[in-house]
Amino acid sequence: MHYRSDLGEVHAVRGVSLRIEKGQFYTLLGPSGCGKTTTLRCVAGLETPEAGEIFIGNDCAFSVSRRINVPPYERQIGMVFQSYAIWPHMDVFENVAFPLREQRLGKREIRDRVQKALSLVQLEGLEKRPAPFLSGGQQQRLALARAIVREPEILLLDEPLSNLDAKLREETRFELRQLVKRLGITTLYVTHDQVEALTMSDVVAVLNQGKIVQEGSPLEIYQSPRDWFVASFIGMTNFLEGQVVAPSAERGMGRVETASGVISCRIPESLAAGERVYVLVRPEDAILVNASQPAGENILEGKVERMVFLGDALDCHLTVNRQSLRIKLHPSVKLCEGEKVAVQIPARACQAIRS
């Protein structure tokens, strides 16, 4: 799927194929412009793909070959936008009841379903409050209640937490995850926030330039990124340049020669001896050791360039044989700029990828 602009064709989505199991929380993660919202809007029926098929449950919502394109209001979806899109001239009850009135349901059924939805999002007792008089967090929950009141096959969430402050966003992440799991609703979530993706999802699909570049569990995505883009986008990562000197052998371990010395690490079977690679090291995996008597595997010696106090951690920037290394230490650790230190990197905690 592409768009035309003054700069030429812009490919929004290129051959994206995904399957979301029933009850699964599936997240599309990537930078702005990578195609995640366009993919979500295709599922919703707000964009028309140029090829392929879209099934919601057992029903075909879109097919080029069969000339099927079910309009958005007939698809079994609930959607929460980034802006919430609540009706300011309606109270809380009427906002949630609106999609049910469009279906021409009876008054009693509308009342019962609205009350149930409001209870689930903890807005009971606020039925008569004008929507603009709600806090940001309450408006987000109101939008969610309106989405789930239809009892949809799939819930589509387009960066619904981005307008909340940091503390409320953290609280709402947990509440939202618990709610959709309790209801058993299949959920497709779009975000550029890696913390949201890692803490809320069953499966994360990382998108770049309209393509899914890696799909897997949050743990797999974080600990075993397949390429430089995924490694750099998910969390903070050190990239130590080097060359494979011993390819993958027992239990997938091998060795890489870097400017800082030989590092034992996980090496994919596809990498051969002599290939140029990056060794990926997460800052939290580096361990400070005695600089006067360093001993053991994967010991790197360097100098402290600068430190940043983050509250829950000390962000320490080192220079190790002309290479930069960023490590995360407990805030109680006492170091000075210019001090010589030694760190150890557990072999299982780092891996090589093709450069």
Protein backbone atom coordinates (compact mmCIF):
# COMPACT_ATOMS: atom_id res chain seq x y z
CA MET A 1 0.00 0.00 0.00
CA HIS A 2 1.46 3.35 -0.96
CA TYR A 3 0.66 7.04 -1.22
CA ARG A 4 1.77 9.64 -3.72
CA SER A 5 3.33 12.92 -2.59
CA ASP A 6 5.42 15.72 -4.07
CA LEU A 7 8.48 13.65 -3.19
CA GLY A 8 7.23 10.57 -5.04
CA GLU A 9 5.63 7.36 -3.85
CA VAL A 10 5.59 6.61 -0.14
CA HIS A 11 5.13 2.93 0.72
CA ALA A 12 3.12 2.77 3.94
CA VAL A 13 2.70 -1.02 4.21
CA ARG A 14 4.58 -3.63 2.19
CA GLY A 15 3.35 -7.20 2.35
CA VAL A 16 2.49 -7.21 6.05
CA SER A 17 1.05 -10.58 7.10
CA LEU A 18 0.04 -11.34 10.67
CA ARG A 19 -2.17 -13.73 12.59
CA ILE A 20 -3.57 -12.86 16.00
CA GLU A 21 -4.84 -15.77 18.07
CA LYS A 22 -8.12 -15.48 19.95
CA GLY A 23 -7.65 -13.63 23.26
CA GLN A 24 -4.12 -12.55 22.37
CA PHE A 25 -2.69 -9.08 23.07
CA TYR A 26 -0.73 -8.32 19.89
CA THR A 27 1.29 -5.11 19.53
CA LEU A 28 2.60 -3.35 16.44
CA LEU A 29 5.69 -1.43 17.54
CA GLY A 30 7.82 0.96 15.54
CA PRO A 31 8.84 4.56 14.88
CA SER A 32 6.57 7.18 13.35
CA GLY A 33 5.85 6.47 9.69
CA CYS A 34 6.68 2.75 9.81
CA GLY A 35 3.14 1.64 8.81
CA LYS A 36 1.69 0.46 12.12
CA THR A 37 -1.30 2.84 12.20
CA THR A 38 -1.99 2.24 8.51
CA THR A 39 -2.11 -1.50 9.22
CA LEU A 40 -4.54 -0.94 12.09
CA ARG A 41 -6.74 1.31 9.93
CA CYS A 42 -6.85 -1.38 7.23
CA VAL A 43 -8.20 -3.84 9.79
CA ALA A 44 -10.75 -1.23 10.88
CA GLY A 45 -11.82 -0.55 7.30
CA LEU A 46 -10.66 3.07 7.40
CA GLU A 47 -8.01 2.40 4.72
CA THR A 48 -8.34 0.19 1.65
CA PRO A 49 -5.37 -2.13 0.90
CA GLU A 50 -4.31 -2.74 -2.68
CA ALA A 51 -3.99 -6.49 -2.20
CA GLY A 52 -4.54 -9.32 0.25
CA GLU A 53 -7.29 -10.40 2.62
CA ILE A 54 -8.43 -9.48 6.14
CA PHE A 55 -10.39 -11.90 8.34
CA ILE A 56 -11.97 -10.94 11.66
CA GLY A 57 -12.83 -14.18 13.38
CA ASN A 58 -14.22 -16.44 10.66
CA ASP A 59 -15.63 -13.56 8.63
CA CYS A 60 -13.84 -12.08 5.63
CA ALA A 61 -13.83 -8.30 6.04
CA PHE A 62 -11.72 -7.56 2.97
CA SER A 63 -10.54 -9.43 -0.11
CA VAL A 64 -9.28 -8.03 -3.39
CA SER A 65 -9.74 -11.31 -5.28
CA ARG A 66 -13.32 -11.79 -4.01
CA ARG A 67 -14.17 -8.09 -4.18
CA ILE A 68 -15.22 -7.92 -0.53
CA ASN A 69 -14.88 -4.71 1.48
CA VAL A 70 -17.11 -4.67 4.57
CA PRO A 71 -17.65 -1.07 5.80
CA PRO A 72 -16.20 -0.16 9.22
CA TYR A 73 -19.56 0.02 11.01
CA GLU A 74 -20.36 -3.57 9.99
CA ARG A 75 -17.02 -5.03 11.12
CA GLN A 76 -16.96 -6.69 14.54
CA ILE A 77 -14.44 -4.25 16.01
CA GLY A 78 -14.10 -1.78 18.84
CA MET A 79 -11.59 1.04 18.43
CA VAL A 80 -9.94 3.59 20.71
CA PHE A 81 -8.13 6.45 18.98
CA GLN A 82 -5.21 8.47 20.28
CA SER A 83 -7.52 11.48 20.68
CA TYR A 84 -10.27 9.30 22.34
CA ALA A 85 -12.89 10.95 20.02
CA ILE A 86 -15.56 11.15 22.73
CA TRP A 87 -18.69 13.25 22.15
CA PRO A 88 -18.35 16.50 24.18
CA HIS A 89 -22.09 17.31 24.00
CA MET A 90 -23.06 13.96 25.59
CA ASP A 91 -22.75 12.70 29.14
CA VAL A 92 -20.85 9.55 30.07
CA PHE A 93 -23.84 7.22 29.69
CA GLU A 94 -24.82 8.51 26.25
CA ASN A 95 -21.24 8.31 24.96
CA VAL A 96 -21.11 4.61 25.76
CA ALA A 97 -24.69 3.99 24.62
CA PHE A 98 -24.21 5.65 21.23
CA PRO A 99 -22.96 2.59 19.26
CA LEU A 100 -25.76 0.48 20.75
CA ARG A 101 -28.43 2.99 19.75
CA GLU A 102 -27.04 2.82 16.20
CA GLN A 103 -27.76 -0.93 16.34
CA ARG A 104 -31.34 -0.15 17.46
CA LEU A 105 -31.18 -2.32 20.57
CA GLY A 106 -33.89 -2.19 23.26
CA LYS A 107 -33.67 0.31 26.13
CA ARG A 108 -33.17 -2.35 28.82
CA GLU A 109 -30.38 -4.11 26.92
CA ILE A 110 -28.66 -0.77 26.26
CA ARG A 111 -28.87 0.18 29.93
CA ASP A 112 -27.54 -3.18 31.12
CA ARG A 113 -24.65 -3.28 28.66
CA VAL A 114 -23.65 0.33 29.34
CA GLN A 115 -23.67 -0.24 33.11
CA LYS A 116 -21.57 -3.37 32.69
CA ALA A 117 -19.02 -1.55 30.49
CA LEU A 118 -18.78 1.41 32.89
CA SER A 119 -18.29 -0.95 35.82
CA LEU A 120 -15.47 -2.74 34.02
CA VAL A 121 -13.56 0.53 33.49
CA GLN A 122 -14.43 1.83 36.98
CA LEU A 123 -16.65 4.71 35.86
CA GLU A 124 -19.84 3.59 37.59
CA GLY A 125 -21.59 6.50 39.34
CA LEU A 126 -20.45 8.99 36.68
CA GLU A 127 -23.20 8.20 34.15
CA LYS A 128 -24.64 11.73 34.13
CA ARG A 129 -21.36 13.64 34.17
CA PRO A 130 -20.67 15.66 30.97
CA ALA A 131 -17.78 14.04 29.10
CA PRO A 132 -15.60 17.22 29.01
CA PHE A 133 -15.68 17.31 32.84
CA LEU A 134 -13.75 14.02 33.11
CA SER A 135 -10.02 13.87 33.76
CA GLY A 136 -7.66 12.65 31.04
CA GLY A 137 -7.52 9.18 32.54
CA GLN A 138 -11.30 9.02 32.89
CA GLN A 139 -11.76 10.11 29.25
CA GLN A 140 -9.42 7.34 28.16
CA ARG A 141 -11.48 4.80 30.13
CA LEU A 142 -14.69 6.23 28.69
CA ALA A 143 -13.37 5.69 25.17
CA LEU A 144 -12.45 2.13 26.14
CA ALA A 145 -15.94 1.48 27.58
CA ARG A 146 -17.52 2.68 24.33
CA ALA A 147 -15.25 0.33 22.39
CA ILE A 148 -16.00 -2.79 24.44
CA VAL A 149 -19.76 -2.19 24.90
CA ARG A 150 -20.35 -3.66 21.42
CA GLU A 151 -18.67 -6.89 22.56
CA PRO A 152 -16.37 -6.87 19.52
CA GLU A 153 -14.38 -9.75 18.03
CA ILE A 154 -11.25 -7.59 18.14
CA LEU A 155 -10.27 -4.43 20.02
CA LEU A 156 -8.13 -1.94 18.06
CA LEU A 157 -6.09 0.51 20.14
CA ASP A 158 -4.15 3.30 18.40
CA GLU A 159 -1.66 4.75 20.94
CA PRO A 160 -4.45 5.26 23.50
CA LEU A 161 -2.13 6.19 26.38
CA SER A 162 0.02 8.82 24.66
CA ASN A 163 -1.97 11.78 26.02
CA LEU A 164 -1.63 10.71 29.67
CA ASP A 165 1.06 11.92 32.05
CA ALA A 166 3.86 9.50 32.93
CA LYS A 167 2.49 8.26 36.26
CA LEU A 168 -1.06 7.80 34.98
CA ARG A 169 0.23 6.09 31.84
CA GLU A 170 2.11 3.55 33.97
CA GLU A 171 -0.98 2.82 36.08
CA THR A 172 -3.26 2.59 33.04
CA ARG A 173 -0.96 0.14 31.25
CA PHE A 174 -1.52 -2.40 34.00
CA GLU A 175 -5.29 -1.72 34.21
CA LEU A 176 -5.77 -2.02 30.46
CA ARG A 177 -3.79 -5.25 30.22
CA GLN A 178 -5.74 -6.78 33.12
CA LEU A 179 -9.09 -5.69 31.66
CA VAL A 180 -8.65 -7.11 28.17
CA LYS A 181 -7.27 -10.35 29.60
CA ARG A 182 -10.20 -10.67 31.99
CA LEU A 183 -12.64 -10.11 29.13
CA GLY A 184 -10.71 -12.39 26.78
CA ILE A 185 -10.84 -9.80 23.99
CA THR A 186 -8.43 -10.23 21.09
CA THR A 187 -6.47 -6.97 20.98
CA LEU A 188 -4.40 -5.25 18.30
CA TYR A 189 -2.39 -2.44 19.89
CA VAL A 190 -0.31 0.22 18.13
CA THR A 191 2.47 2.14 19.88
CA HIS A 192 5.91 3.65 19.41
CA ASP A 193 6.58 3.24 23.14
CA GLN A 194 8.79 0.20 23.74
CA VAL A 195 7.89 0.03 27.45
CA GLU A 196 4.19 -0.26 26.61
CA ALA A 197 4.93 -3.01 24.09
CA LEU A 198 7.16 -5.02 26.43
CA THR A 199 4.94 -4.77 29.52
CA MET A 200 1.52 -5.30 27.93
CA SER A 201 1.90 -7.71 25.03
CA ASP A 202 1.76 -11.43 24.42
CA VAL A 203 3.34 -10.90 20.99
CA VAL A 204 5.25 -7.90 19.63
CA ALA A 205 5.76 -7.23 15.92
CA VAL A 206 8.45 -4.64 15.19
CA LEU A 207 7.79 -2.66 12.00
CA ASN A 208 10.27 -0.69 9.93
CA GLN A 209 9.55 0.97 6.57
CA GLY A 210 6.25 -0.83 6.13
CA LYS A 211 7.54 -4.34 6.93
CA ILE A 212 7.52 -6.59 9.97
CA VAL A 213 11.22 -7.13 10.70
CA GLN A 214 10.76 -9.33 13.80
CA GLU A 215 7.86 -10.94 15.62
CA GLY A 216 7.98 -12.71 18.96
CA SER A 217 7.39 -12.55 22.69
CA PRO A 218 8.55 -9.40 24.54
CA LEU A 219 11.39 -11.41 26.12
CA GLU A 220 12.53 -12.76 22.76
CA ILE A 221 12.40 -9.34 21.10
CA TYR A 222 14.43 -7.76 23.90
CA GLN A 223 17.00 -10.49 24.51
CA SER A 224 17.46 -11.82 20.97
CA PRO A 225 17.01 -9.04 18.40
CA ARG A 226 17.66 -10.22 14.86
CA ASP A 227 19.27 -7.09 13.46
CA TRP A 228 20.68 -3.66 14.25
CA PHE A 229 17.34 -1.86 13.86
CA VAL A 230 15.47 -4.02 16.38
CA ALA A 231 18.38 -3.94 18.83
CA SER A 232 18.68 -0.16 18.65
CA PHE A 233 14.93 0.51 18.81
CA ILE A 234 14.16 -1.78 21.76
CA GLY A 235 15.88 -0.44 24.85
CA MET A 236 19.38 0.97 25.19
CA THR A 237 22.08 -1.15 23.53
CA ASN A 238 25.86 -0.99 23.20
CA PHE A 239 27.28 -2.03 19.82
CA LEU A 240 30.86 -3.28 19.98
CA GLU A 241 32.35 -3.76 16.50
CA GLY A 242 34.34 -6.88 15.84
CA GLN A 243 35.05 -9.98 13.77
CA VAL A 244 33.98 -13.57 14.38
CA VAL A 245 36.99 -15.71 15.32
CA ALA A 246 35.08 -18.77 16.54
CA PRO A 247 31.60 -19.32 15.06
CA SER A 248 28.64 -20.88 16.83
CA ALA A 249 29.56 -24.18 18.46
CA GLU A 250 28.28 -25.80 21.63
CA ARG A 251 24.96 -24.30 22.84
CA GLY A 252 25.20 -21.51 20.27
CA MET A 253 28.23 -19.85 21.84
CA GLY A 254 31.24 -18.42 19.99
CA ARG A 255 33.89 -15.69 20.17
CA VAL A 256 34.32 -12.25 18.59
CA GLU A 257 37.55 -10.22 18.38
CA THR A 258 36.84 -6.56 19.24
CA ALA A 259 39.03 -3.53 19.90
CA SER A 260 38.43 -4.22 23.59
CA GLY A 261 39.55 -7.86 23.39
CA VAL A 262 37.95 -11.24 22.63
CA ILE A 263 34.34 -11.52 23.79
CA SER A 264 32.49 -14.80 24.23
CA CYS A 265 28.83 -14.42 23.26
CA ARG A 266 25.84 -16.00 21.59
CA ILE A 267 26.40 -16.27 17.84
CA PRO A 268 23.74 -17.25 15.28
CA GLU A 269 24.62 -20.29 13.15
CA SER A 270 24.40 -18.12 10.01
CA LEU A 271 27.53 -16.19 11.01
CA ALA A 272 30.86 -17.63 9.82
CA ALA A 273 34.43 -17.02 10.95
CA GLY A 274 35.84 -13.76 9.59
CA GLU A 275 32.49 -11.95 9.28
CA ARG A 276 32.18 -8.41 10.58
CA VAL A 277 29.65 -8.17 13.39
CA TYR A 278 28.37 -6.10 16.27
CA VAL A 279 28.31 -7.56 19.77
CA LEU A 280 25.17 -6.33 21.52
CA VAL A 281 25.50 -5.53 25.22
CA ARG A 282 22.61 -4.22 27.32
CA PRO A 283 23.73 -1.61 29.92
CA GLU A 284 22.06 -3.47 32.78
CA ASP A 285 23.98 -6.69 32.00
CA ALA A 286 27.45 -5.24 32.63
CA ILE A 287 28.82 -6.02 36.11
CA LEU A 288 31.37 -3.80 37.88
CA VAL A 289 34.39 -5.84 39.08
CA ASN A 290 37.60 -5.12 40.97
CA ALA A 291 39.72 -2.98 38.64
CA SER A 292 42.98 -3.84 40.44
CA GLN A 293 42.58 -7.60 40.06
CA PRO A 294 40.33 -8.26 37.05
CA ALA A 295 39.97 -11.96 36.28
CA GLY A 296 37.53 -14.07 34.31
CA GLU A 297 35.80 -14.10 30.94
CA ASN A 298 34.69 -10.98 29.07
CA ILE A 299 36.49 -8.46 31.30
CA LEU A 300 36.71 -4.98 29.79
CA GLU A 301 38.83 -2.22 31.29
CA GLY A 302 38.02 1.42 30.70
CA LYS A 303 37.66 4.94 32.05
CA VAL A 304 34.59 6.75 33.34
CA GLU A 305 33.75 9.65 31.01
CA ARG A 306 30.54 10.87 32.62
CA MET A 307 27.73 9.78 34.90
CA VAL A 308 24.04 10.67 35.01
CA PHE A 309 21.91 10.07 38.11
CA LEU A 310 18.50 8.70 37.04
CA GLY A 311 17.01 8.13 40.48
CA ASP A 312 16.67 4.35 40.29
CA ALA A 313 20.02 3.88 38.52
CA LEU A 314 23.37 5.46 37.67
CA ASP A 315 23.86 5.84 33.92
CA CYS A 316 27.60 5.51 33.45
CA HIS A 317 29.44 6.22 30.17
CA LEU A 318 32.82 4.53 29.73
CA THR A 319 35.55 4.60 27.11
CA VAL A 320 36.99 1.14 26.50
CA ASN A 321 39.89 1.17 24.00
CA ARG A 322 38.32 3.97 21.94
CA GLN A 323 34.90 2.30 22.04
CA SER A 324 32.02 3.74 24.04
CA LEU A 325 30.28 1.52 26.58
CA ARG A 326 27.23 2.57 28.54
CA ILE A 327 26.40 0.66 31.72
CA LYS A 328 23.64 0.93 34.30
CA LEU A 329 24.63 0.66 37.96
CA HIS A 330 22.88 0.82 41.31
CA PRO A 331 22.56 4.49 42.38
CA SER A 332 24.57 3.81 45.57
CA VAL A 333 27.74 2.97 43.58
CA LYS A 334 30.46 5.58 44.13
CA LEU A 335 32.47 6.47 41.02
CA CYS A 336 34.29 9.58 39.80
CA GLU A 337 34.79 10.92 36.29
CA GLY A 338 38.20 9.88 35.00
CA GLU A 339 38.33 6.83 37.28
CA LYS A 340 39.60 3.54 35.80
CA VAL A 341 37.16 0.65 36.13
CA ALA A 342 36.68 -2.92 34.96
CA VAL A 343 33.39 -4.50 33.96
CA GLN A 344 32.42 -8.07 33.17
CA ILE A 345 29.83 -9.02 30.56
CA PRO A 346 28.25 -12.46 31.07
CA ALA A 347 28.64 -14.41 27.83
CA ARG A 348 25.00 -15.51 27.75
CA ALA A 349 23.86 -11.90 28.13
CA CYS A 350 25.38 -10.66 24.86
CA GLN A 351 25.03 -11.72 21.26
CA ALA A 352 26.51 -11.03 17.85
CA ILE A 353 24.61 -9.76 14.82
CA ARG A 354 25.81 -9.09 11.29
CA SER A 355 27.05 -5.52 10.87
